[in-house]
Amino acid sequence: MIADAKGDHEQDHVGDPQKTVSVDDISPRSVAGRQKRLGVHLDNIGHGFIVLLPIAMVVANRSSPLLLACAAFFVLASRLASGAIGSDRSPFKNVRPGVLLLVLCGIAYPLISLSWAIGPAVGLFSWGEAVLPAVSSAALIMSWRAAPPPQWMAKALAWTMLIAAGLIAVELLLKFPLRRFLPERIGGFIHNRPVVTILLLLAPVLVLVDFRSHRMLCSALLLIGIGTIFVSDSEAAKLGSLVAVGTFALSYAPFIWVKRFLTVVLLGLIWMQPFFGSAMRNLPESVVEATKAGHSRERIALWQAFSDVTHHFPVLGTGFSSSPHMARHPVAAQIDPAYRPMLRVGHPHNAFLQVWVELGAVGALLLSALVLWVLRCLSGAPEDVRRVGLMTLMTASAIALVSHGAWQGWWIAAVTLAAALLTIRPVQPKPME
């Protein structure tokens, strides 16, 4: 009976080409081919989001966290679809336990501190805004460890950065010829965020594109990018550019001495923050007057007010994202009345000081561990990547010292994307194309 049924089944399928094709279509080779094509499409979409990020920031200057999250989603999906990441190919295989512990503490402690913060609901939103781009960049790093990005990405990103810098320069020089018809108030400050983003991505992209192979593109990007920074209203970006040049010159000294020097500088900046306001208040009047274009007097008063807050909550801080509510915090009554109004500003315009105010010495300890880990990673990097990494680290530190809220999503997106790009090595296994 079974033999007859088998014979009838075989006769039913003789000469049926459609059913024969369907059997072939589900063969392992065909499935693997489909997965590979899907992986390539997802990979191109994901890296397309990264390429579009500079121009998107010109149009909407808080858009980078969204684009970075989309990029991470598609790139990670492409690695899973292609099999580059799987149960037998974990991207966490060579990650040190200490690094994972640092990351978990950095994510968990701010969340825990919301329990004693003012406005925990708003703080939770700020926590999500900060964590989203950081996790997205971490996902990109893990994905690029499994398989490098397509070869076109770095060059395309250089072109979009060039276009974005050109658009900003034209708008600033022509006084916003198109945006004047918009109902919102327009000023050069609206381009501060994209200008800072371009500055932080500039050196990593130049080293990826390879200056020696694409001299015209790299020279144009460098000249127009730096020119745009210096015609912009971002004094922080100008300071960051000068620090980058100084770090570039310093990087030609023996690395062991450079590393020690920068370690002392960065850790010193972190741990002096409770006294930063007093130190800046004692600056010579000539220095304050020379930097008044950057609102130095107002910043010094702001730093003094928030530095005084750290004296009352030195260990655990006032709670994550408490700075916007500091004017109605009980500690405000204990601040010198001459500086108390500055607590209404929203944040101290100093990321190191904001960490102390909100997370206390515990947050400063975590930030110190992060700095030491970054310097250790750069110790084992190729010379050109190490040089650019030091420049990016010091540029970000200089900007963080004088401007922007520490937890703003666009800022964390710019810093972490720059760091992620520095993990890409020019010589890698053949990328998915």
Protein backbone atom coordinates (compact mmCIF):
# COMPACT_ATOMS: atom_id res chain seq x y z
CA MET A 1 0.00 0.00 0.00
CA ILE A 2 2.79 2.35 0.96
CA ALA A 3 4.63 1.51 -2.25
CA ASP A 4 1.50 2.23 -4.31
CA ALA A 5 0.97 5.54 -2.58
CA LYS A 6 4.61 6.47 -3.16
CA GLY A 7 4.29 5.56 -6.83
CA ASP A 8 1.11 7.63 -7.19
CA HIS A 9 2.85 10.57 -5.48
CA GLU A 10 5.81 10.38 -7.86
CA GLN A 11 3.49 10.18 -10.89
CA ASP A 12 1.55 13.23 -9.67
CA HIS A 13 4.76 15.30 -9.70
CA VAL A 14 6.20 14.11 -13.00
CA GLY A 15 6.31 16.98 -15.47
CA ASP A 16 5.22 19.57 -12.87
CA PRO A 17 7.92 22.24 -13.27
CA GLN A 18 6.31 24.69 -10.81
CA LYS A 19 6.49 22.24 -7.93
CA THR A 20 10.05 21.27 -8.91
CA VAL A 21 11.11 24.93 -8.77
CA SER A 22 9.44 25.39 -5.39
CA VAL A 23 11.51 22.53 -3.98
CA ASP A 24 14.69 24.12 -5.36
CA ASP A 25 13.70 27.52 -3.96
CA ILE A 26 13.79 26.27 -0.40
CA SER A 27 17.17 24.58 -0.72
CA PRO A 28 19.81 25.69 1.84
CA ARG A 29 21.82 27.45 -0.87
CA SER A 30 18.79 29.47 -1.99
CA VAL A 31 17.89 30.43 1.57
CA ALA A 32 21.48 31.51 2.24
CA GLY A 33 21.44 33.63 -0.91
CA ARG A 34 18.23 35.34 0.12
CA GLN A 35 19.59 36.03 3.59
CA LYS A 36 22.76 37.48 2.11
CA ARG A 37 20.81 39.79 -0.21
CA LEU A 38 18.57 40.86 2.68
CA GLY A 39 21.64 41.53 4.79
CA VAL A 40 23.16 43.72 2.07
CA HIS A 41 19.96 45.74 1.67
CA LEU A 42 19.62 46.27 5.42
CA ASP A 43 23.30 47.18 5.65
CA ASN A 44 23.01 49.82 2.94
CA ILE A 45 19.89 51.31 4.55
CA GLY A 46 21.54 51.48 7.96
CA HIS A 47 24.71 53.13 6.73
CA GLY A 48 22.61 55.46 4.60
CA PHE A 49 21.15 56.87 7.83
CA ILE A 50 24.68 57.56 9.08
CA VAL A 51 25.60 59.29 5.83
CA LEU A 52 22.50 61.51 6.00
CA LEU A 53 23.06 62.51 9.62
CA PRO A 54 25.12 65.72 9.04
CA ILE A 55 22.59 67.16 6.58
CA ALA A 56 19.68 66.14 8.82
CA MET A 57 21.28 68.06 11.68
CA VAL A 58 21.36 71.22 9.55
CA VAL A 59 17.63 70.90 8.89
CA ALA A 60 16.64 69.73 12.40
CA ASN A 61 19.38 70.23 14.97
CA ARG A 62 18.17 67.57 17.42
CA SER A 63 17.61 64.79 14.88
CA SER A 64 20.86 62.83 15.22
CA PRO A 65 19.71 60.44 18.00
CA LEU A 66 16.81 59.26 15.82
CA LEU A 67 19.00 58.72 12.76
CA LEU A 68 21.65 56.97 14.83
CA ALA A 69 19.05 54.65 16.37
CA CYS A 70 17.65 53.79 12.92
CA ALA A 71 21.17 53.16 11.62
CA ALA A 72 21.99 50.85 14.52
CA PHE A 73 18.72 48.92 14.08
CA PHE A 74 19.26 48.23 10.37
CA VAL A 75 23.00 47.52 10.64
CA LEU A 76 22.48 45.11 13.53
CA ALA A 77 19.60 43.46 11.64
CA SER A 78 21.85 43.04 8.61
CA ARG A 79 24.49 41.26 10.69
CA LEU A 80 21.86 38.93 12.14
CA ALA A 81 20.34 38.23 8.71
CA SER A 82 23.72 37.49 7.14
CA GLY A 83 24.86 35.30 10.02
CA ALA A 84 27.78 37.57 10.91
CA ILE A 85 26.30 37.68 14.41
CA GLY A 86 24.81 34.49 15.79
CA SER A 87 24.85 32.12 18.71
CA ASP A 88 28.29 30.89 17.66
CA ARG A 89 29.59 34.37 16.69
CA SER A 90 28.95 36.62 19.66
CA PRO A 91 30.27 40.20 19.37
CA PHE A 92 30.78 40.18 23.16
CA LYS A 93 33.26 37.31 23.00
CA ASN A 94 36.39 39.41 23.61
CA VAL A 95 34.84 42.17 25.72
CA ARG A 96 36.42 42.45 29.16
CA PRO A 97 34.10 41.92 32.15
CA GLY A 98 35.36 45.18 33.65
CA VAL A 99 34.13 47.10 30.61
CA LEU A 100 30.68 45.53 30.83
CA LEU A 101 30.56 46.35 34.54
CA LEU A 102 31.47 49.99 33.82
CA VAL A 103 28.76 50.23 31.16
CA LEU A 104 26.13 48.67 33.43
CA CYS A 105 27.04 50.97 36.32
CA GLY A 106 27.00 53.99 34.00
CA ILE A 107 23.48 53.10 32.89
CA ALA A 108 22.11 51.92 36.24
CA TYR A 109 23.37 54.55 38.69
CA PRO A 110 21.70 57.55 36.99
CA LEU A 111 18.49 55.54 36.89
CA ILE A 112 18.77 54.70 40.59
CA SER A 113 19.51 58.34 41.45
CA LEU A 114 16.11 59.34 40.06
CA SER A 115 14.67 58.03 43.34
CA TRP A 116 15.98 61.14 45.16
CA ALA A 117 15.86 63.59 42.23
CA ILE A 118 13.39 66.43 41.74
CA GLY A 119 11.14 65.74 38.75
CA PRO A 120 11.90 62.03 38.27
CA ALA A 121 9.47 61.74 35.34
CA VAL A 122 11.36 64.38 33.36
CA GLY A 123 14.59 62.78 34.54
CA LEU A 124 13.49 59.42 33.16
CA PHE A 125 12.89 61.04 29.76
CA SER A 126 16.36 62.63 29.91
CA TRP A 127 17.84 59.25 30.83
CA GLY A 128 16.23 57.70 27.77
CA GLU A 129 17.43 60.57 25.59
CA ALA A 130 21.00 59.98 26.79
CA VAL A 131 20.95 56.18 26.69
CA LEU A 132 19.40 55.82 23.21
CA PRO A 133 22.34 57.25 21.19
CA ALA A 134 24.90 55.63 23.50
CA VAL A 135 23.35 52.18 23.08
CA SER A 136 22.92 52.80 19.33
CA SER A 137 26.62 53.57 18.93
CA ALA A 138 27.51 50.52 21.02
CA ALA A 139 25.35 48.40 18.69
CA LEU A 140 27.21 49.85 15.69
CA ILE A 141 30.56 49.01 17.29
CA MET A 142 29.45 45.43 17.95
CA SER A 143 28.11 45.14 14.39
CA TRP A 144 31.31 46.52 12.87
CA ARG A 145 33.34 44.06 14.91
CA ALA A 146 31.35 41.26 13.28
CA ALA A 147 31.60 42.70 9.75
CA PRO A 148 32.97 46.09 8.62
CA PRO A 149 30.75 48.73 7.00
CA PRO A 150 30.52 49.02 3.20
CA GLN A 151 33.47 50.75 1.58
CA TRP A 152 31.34 53.61 0.26
CA MET A 153 30.22 54.80 3.69
CA ALA A 154 33.27 56.82 4.76
CA LYS A 155 33.59 58.70 1.48
CA ALA A 156 29.84 59.36 1.29
CA LEU A 157 29.86 60.63 4.88
CA ALA A 158 32.71 62.99 4.00
CA TRP A 159 30.64 64.38 1.11
CA THR A 160 27.54 64.93 3.24
CA MET A 161 29.64 66.63 5.93
CA LEU A 162 31.08 68.87 3.22
CA ILE A 163 27.57 69.70 1.96
CA ALA A 164 26.30 70.32 5.50
CA ALA A 165 29.22 72.64 6.30
CA GLY A 166 28.64 74.50 3.03
CA LEU A 167 24.93 74.94 3.76
CA ILE A 168 25.68 76.29 7.23
CA ALA A 169 28.31 78.71 5.91
CA VAL A 170 25.99 80.00 3.17
CA GLU A 171 23.12 80.53 5.61
CA LEU A 172 25.32 82.34 8.12
CA LEU A 173 27.01 84.56 5.53
CA LEU A 174 23.74 85.42 3.74
CA LYS A 175 21.78 85.91 6.99
CA PHE A 176 19.35 83.02 6.49
CA PRO A 177 17.75 84.04 3.17
CA LEU A 178 15.20 81.20 3.20
CA ARG A 179 14.46 80.80 6.90
CA ARG A 180 13.48 84.42 7.43
CA PHE A 181 10.00 83.47 6.19
CA LEU A 182 9.56 81.04 9.08
CA PRO A 183 7.62 82.24 12.13
CA GLU A 184 10.27 81.02 14.62
CA ARG A 185 13.09 83.26 15.81
CA ILE A 186 16.16 82.69 13.66
CA GLY A 187 19.74 83.26 14.70
CA GLY A 188 23.20 81.86 14.18
CA PHE A 189 22.84 79.84 17.38
CA ILE A 190 20.58 77.32 15.61
CA HIS A 191 23.65 75.95 13.83
CA ASN A 192 25.74 75.46 16.97
CA ARG A 193 24.71 71.82 17.31
CA PRO A 194 25.41 70.76 13.70
CA VAL A 195 28.70 72.70 13.80
CA VAL A 196 29.81 70.82 16.92
CA THR A 197 28.69 67.54 15.33
CA ILE A 198 30.76 68.24 12.21
CA LEU A 199 33.79 69.14 14.34
CA LEU A 200 33.63 65.91 16.36
CA LEU A 201 33.20 63.74 13.25
CA LEU A 202 35.82 65.60 11.19
CA ALA A 203 39.03 63.88 12.30
CA PRO A 204 37.59 60.31 12.45
CA VAL A 205 36.13 60.68 8.94
CA LEU A 206 39.38 62.09 7.53
CA VAL A 207 41.36 59.14 8.86
CA LEU A 208 38.79 56.68 7.47
CA VAL A 209 38.72 58.26 4.02
CA ASP A 210 42.55 58.36 4.02
CA PHE A 211 43.96 61.80 3.31
CA ARG A 212 46.70 60.41 1.06
CA SER A 213 44.27 58.62 -1.24
CA HIS A 214 41.63 61.38 -1.50
CA ARG A 215 43.56 64.62 -1.07
CA MET A 216 41.04 66.88 -2.83
CA LEU A 217 38.02 65.66 -0.88
CA CYS A 218 39.82 65.68 2.47
CA SER A 219 41.37 69.10 1.88
CA ALA A 220 38.00 70.58 0.89
CA LEU A 221 36.29 69.03 3.92
CA LEU A 222 39.00 70.27 6.26
CA LEU A 223 39.07 73.82 4.90
CA ILE A 224 35.30 74.29 4.58
CA GLY A 225 34.63 72.51 7.87
CA ILE A 226 37.07 74.63 9.88
CA GLY A 227 36.01 77.78 8.02
CA THR A 228 32.38 77.13 8.89
CA ILE A 229 33.26 76.61 12.54
CA PHE A 230 34.97 79.99 12.73
CA VAL A 231 32.13 81.90 11.03
CA SER A 232 29.59 80.24 13.32
CA ASP A 233 28.34 81.52 16.67
CA SER A 234 29.66 78.47 18.53
CA GLU A 235 32.50 79.67 20.75
CA ALA A 236 32.70 76.15 22.16
CA ALA A 237 33.40 74.71 18.70
CA LYS A 238 36.12 77.31 18.15
CA LEU A 239 37.72 76.37 21.46
CA GLY A 240 37.45 72.70 20.52
CA SER A 241 39.19 73.38 17.20
CA LEU A 242 42.10 75.10 18.94
CA VAL A 243 42.40 72.25 21.44
CA ALA A 244 42.37 69.75 18.55
CA VAL A 245 45.28 71.56 16.88
CA GLY A 246 47.22 71.62 20.16
CA THR A 247 46.56 67.93 20.77
CA PHE A 248 47.64 67.11 17.21
CA ALA A 249 50.99 68.82 17.82
CA LEU A 250 51.35 67.17 21.23
CA SER A 251 50.61 63.71 19.79
CA TYR A 252 54.01 63.62 18.05
CA ALA A 253 55.72 63.37 21.45
CA PRO A 254 56.29 59.86 22.90
CA PHE A 255 52.86 58.42 23.56
CA ILE A 256 53.60 57.28 27.10
CA TRP A 257 54.31 60.88 28.14
CA VAL A 258 51.33 62.24 26.21
CA LYS A 259 49.07 59.68 27.86
CA ARG A 260 50.31 60.57 31.34
CA PHE A 261 49.93 64.28 30.70
CA LEU A 262 46.40 63.99 29.33
CA THR A 263 45.41 61.63 32.14
CA VAL A 264 46.48 64.23 34.71
CA VAL A 265 44.69 67.01 32.79
CA LEU A 266 41.40 65.14 32.39
CA LEU A 267 41.27 63.65 35.87
CA GLY A 268 42.24 67.03 37.27
CA LEU A 269 39.35 68.68 35.42
CA ILE A 270 36.92 66.07 36.71
CA TRP A 271 37.93 66.25 40.37
CA MET A 272 38.34 70.03 40.61
CA GLN A 273 34.72 70.74 39.69
CA PRO A 274 33.49 71.43 43.24
CA PHE A 275 35.99 74.32 43.23
CA PHE A 276 35.75 75.21 39.54
CA GLY A 277 33.52 78.22 40.07
CA SER A 278 35.87 79.73 42.65
CA ALA A 279 38.88 79.11 40.42
CA MET A 280 37.25 80.80 37.43
CA ARG A 281 36.09 83.70 39.58
CA ASN A 282 39.75 84.49 40.31
CA LEU A 283 40.71 84.79 36.64
CA PRO A 284 42.41 88.07 35.72
CA GLU A 285 39.99 90.74 34.54
CA SER A 286 41.87 91.00 31.25
CA VAL A 287 41.13 87.33 30.48
CA VAL A 288 37.45 87.74 31.32
CA GLU A 289 37.20 90.85 29.16
CA ALA A 290 38.97 89.15 26.23
CA THR A 291 36.48 86.26 26.30
CA LYS A 292 33.31 88.27 26.84
CA ALA A 293 32.03 87.26 23.39
CA GLY A 294 31.52 83.81 24.88
CA HIS A 295 29.53 85.29 27.81
CA SER A 296 32.40 84.57 30.19
CA ARG A 297 31.02 86.67 33.06
CA GLU A 298 27.67 84.91 32.98
CA ARG A 299 29.34 81.51 32.76
CA ILE A 300 31.56 82.21 35.76
CA ALA A 301 28.54 83.19 37.86
CA LEU A 302 26.73 80.07 36.62
CA TRP A 303 29.68 77.81 37.49
CA GLN A 304 29.98 79.40 40.94
CA ALA A 305 26.31 78.72 41.71
CA PHE A 306 26.40 75.08 40.64
CA SER A 307 29.81 74.47 42.25
CA ASP A 308 28.28 75.58 45.55
CA VAL A 309 25.53 72.98 45.10
CA THR A 310 28.12 70.18 45.01
CA HIS A 311 29.32 71.15 48.50
CA HIS A 312 25.92 70.17 49.93
CA PHE A 313 25.57 66.86 48.00
CA PRO A 314 29.18 65.73 47.54
CA VAL A 315 28.79 61.94 47.41
CA LEU A 316 25.53 60.94 45.70
CA GLY A 317 24.53 64.23 44.06
CA THR A 318 21.08 65.75 43.77
CA GLY A 319 19.81 63.06 41.39
CA PHE A 320 19.98 62.57 37.64
CA SER A 321 18.70 65.49 35.55
CA SER A 322 18.01 67.66 38.60
CA SER A 323 19.78 70.68 37.11
CA PRO A 324 16.70 72.04 35.26
CA HIS A 325 14.82 72.09 38.59
CA MET A 326 17.67 73.36 40.77
CA ALA A 327 16.07 76.76 41.37
CA ARG A 328 13.25 75.08 43.33
CA HIS A 329 15.45 72.49 45.02
CA PRO A 330 15.79 72.98 48.82
CA VAL A 331 19.53 73.53 48.36
CA ALA A 332 18.85 76.77 46.45
CA ALA A 333 18.13 78.57 49.73
CA GLN A 334 21.68 77.82 50.87
CA ILE A 335 23.39 79.29 47.79
CA ASP A 336 24.87 82.79 47.86
CA PRO A 337 22.04 85.19 46.83
CA ALA A 338 24.44 86.87 44.39
CA TYR A 339 24.60 83.66 42.34
CA ARG A 340 21.28 82.01 43.20
CA PRO A 341 19.40 83.38 40.13
CA MET A 342 21.80 81.46 37.87
CA LEU A 343 20.28 78.19 39.08
CA ARG A 344 17.30 78.97 36.84
CA VAL A 345 19.42 78.60 33.68
CA GLY A 346 18.76 74.85 33.50
CA HIS A 347 22.25 73.34 33.56
CA PRO A 348 25.75 74.60 34.37
CA HIS A 349 27.04 74.62 30.78
CA ASN A 350 29.82 72.34 31.98
CA ALA A 351 29.30 68.59 31.63
CA PHE A 352 31.94 67.72 34.24
CA LEU A 353 30.27 70.01 36.77
CA GLN A 354 26.82 68.68 35.87
CA VAL A 355 28.00 65.15 36.64
CA TRP A 356 29.12 66.32 40.09
CA VAL A 357 25.90 68.24 40.75
CA GLU A 358 23.58 65.38 39.81
CA LEU A 359 25.62 62.21 40.46
CA GLY A 360 28.19 63.40 42.99
CA ALA A 361 31.55 61.75 43.60
CA VAL A 362 30.09 58.41 42.46
CA GLY A 363 29.41 59.89 39.03
CA ALA A 364 32.85 61.51 38.97
CA LEU A 365 34.39 58.11 39.74
CA LEU A 366 32.49 56.49 36.85
CA LEU A 367 33.53 59.31 34.51
CA SER A 368 37.16 58.91 35.59
CA ALA A 369 37.00 55.18 34.88
CA LEU A 370 35.59 55.94 31.42
CA VAL A 371 38.45 58.34 30.65
CA LEU A 372 41.07 55.81 31.78
CA TRP A 373 39.43 53.08 29.68
CA VAL A 374 39.38 55.27 26.56
CA LEU A 375 43.06 56.13 26.99
CA ARG A 376 43.86 52.46 27.46
CA CYS A 377 41.99 51.57 24.26
CA LEU A 378 43.92 54.23 22.35
CA SER A 379 47.21 52.78 23.63
CA GLY A 380 46.74 49.71 21.46
CA ALA A 381 45.39 51.50 18.38
CA PRO A 382 47.35 52.19 15.17
CA GLU A 383 49.32 55.43 15.25
CA ASP A 384 46.99 57.48 13.02
CA VAL A 385 43.87 56.26 14.86
CA ARG A 386 45.54 56.95 18.20
CA ARG A 387 46.40 60.50 17.16
CA VAL A 388 42.88 61.19 15.93
CA GLY A 389 41.41 59.52 19.00
CA LEU A 390 43.38 61.81 21.30
CA MET A 391 42.27 64.83 19.28
CA THR A 392 38.62 63.77 19.45
CA LEU A 393 38.82 63.05 23.18
CA MET A 394 40.34 66.42 24.01
CA THR A 395 38.05 68.30 21.61
CA ALA A 396 34.97 66.74 23.22
CA SER A 397 36.36 67.48 26.69
CA ALA A 398 37.01 71.14 25.84
CA ILE A 399 33.49 71.59 24.46
CA ALA A 400 31.97 69.74 27.42
CA LEU A 401 33.83 72.02 29.83
CA VAL A 402 32.19 75.23 28.63
CA SER A 403 28.93 74.39 26.88
CA HIS A 404 25.88 72.17 26.41
CA GLY A 405 23.97 69.95 28.80
CA ALA A 406 25.71 66.68 29.62
CA TRP A 407 22.70 64.48 28.77
CA GLN A 408 21.45 66.08 25.55
CA GLY A 409 20.85 63.35 23.00
CA TRP A 410 22.39 65.14 20.01
CA TRP A 411 25.62 65.72 22.00
CA ILE A 412 25.93 62.09 23.11
CA ALA A 413 25.12 60.98 19.55
CA ALA A 414 27.96 63.10 18.14
CA VAL A 415 30.52 61.95 20.73
CA THR A 416 29.64 58.25 20.60
CA LEU A 417 29.38 58.13 16.79
CA ALA A 418 32.85 59.70 16.54
CA ALA A 419 34.12 57.05 18.96
CA ALA A 420 32.39 54.29 16.98
CA LEU A 421 33.98 55.44 13.71
CA LEU A 422 37.40 55.20 15.35
CA THR A 423 36.85 51.47 15.97
CA ILE A 424 36.74 50.83 12.20
CA ARG A 425 40.07 49.70 10.82
CA PRO A 426 41.06 50.44 7.18
CA VAL A 427 42.21 46.84 6.60
CA GLN A 428 39.45 44.37 7.38
CA PRO A 429 37.85 41.26 5.90
CA LYS A 430 35.84 41.96 2.79
CA PRO A 431 32.73 43.97 3.74
CA MET A 432 29.19 43.14 2.70
CA GLU A 433 28.52 44.84 -0.64
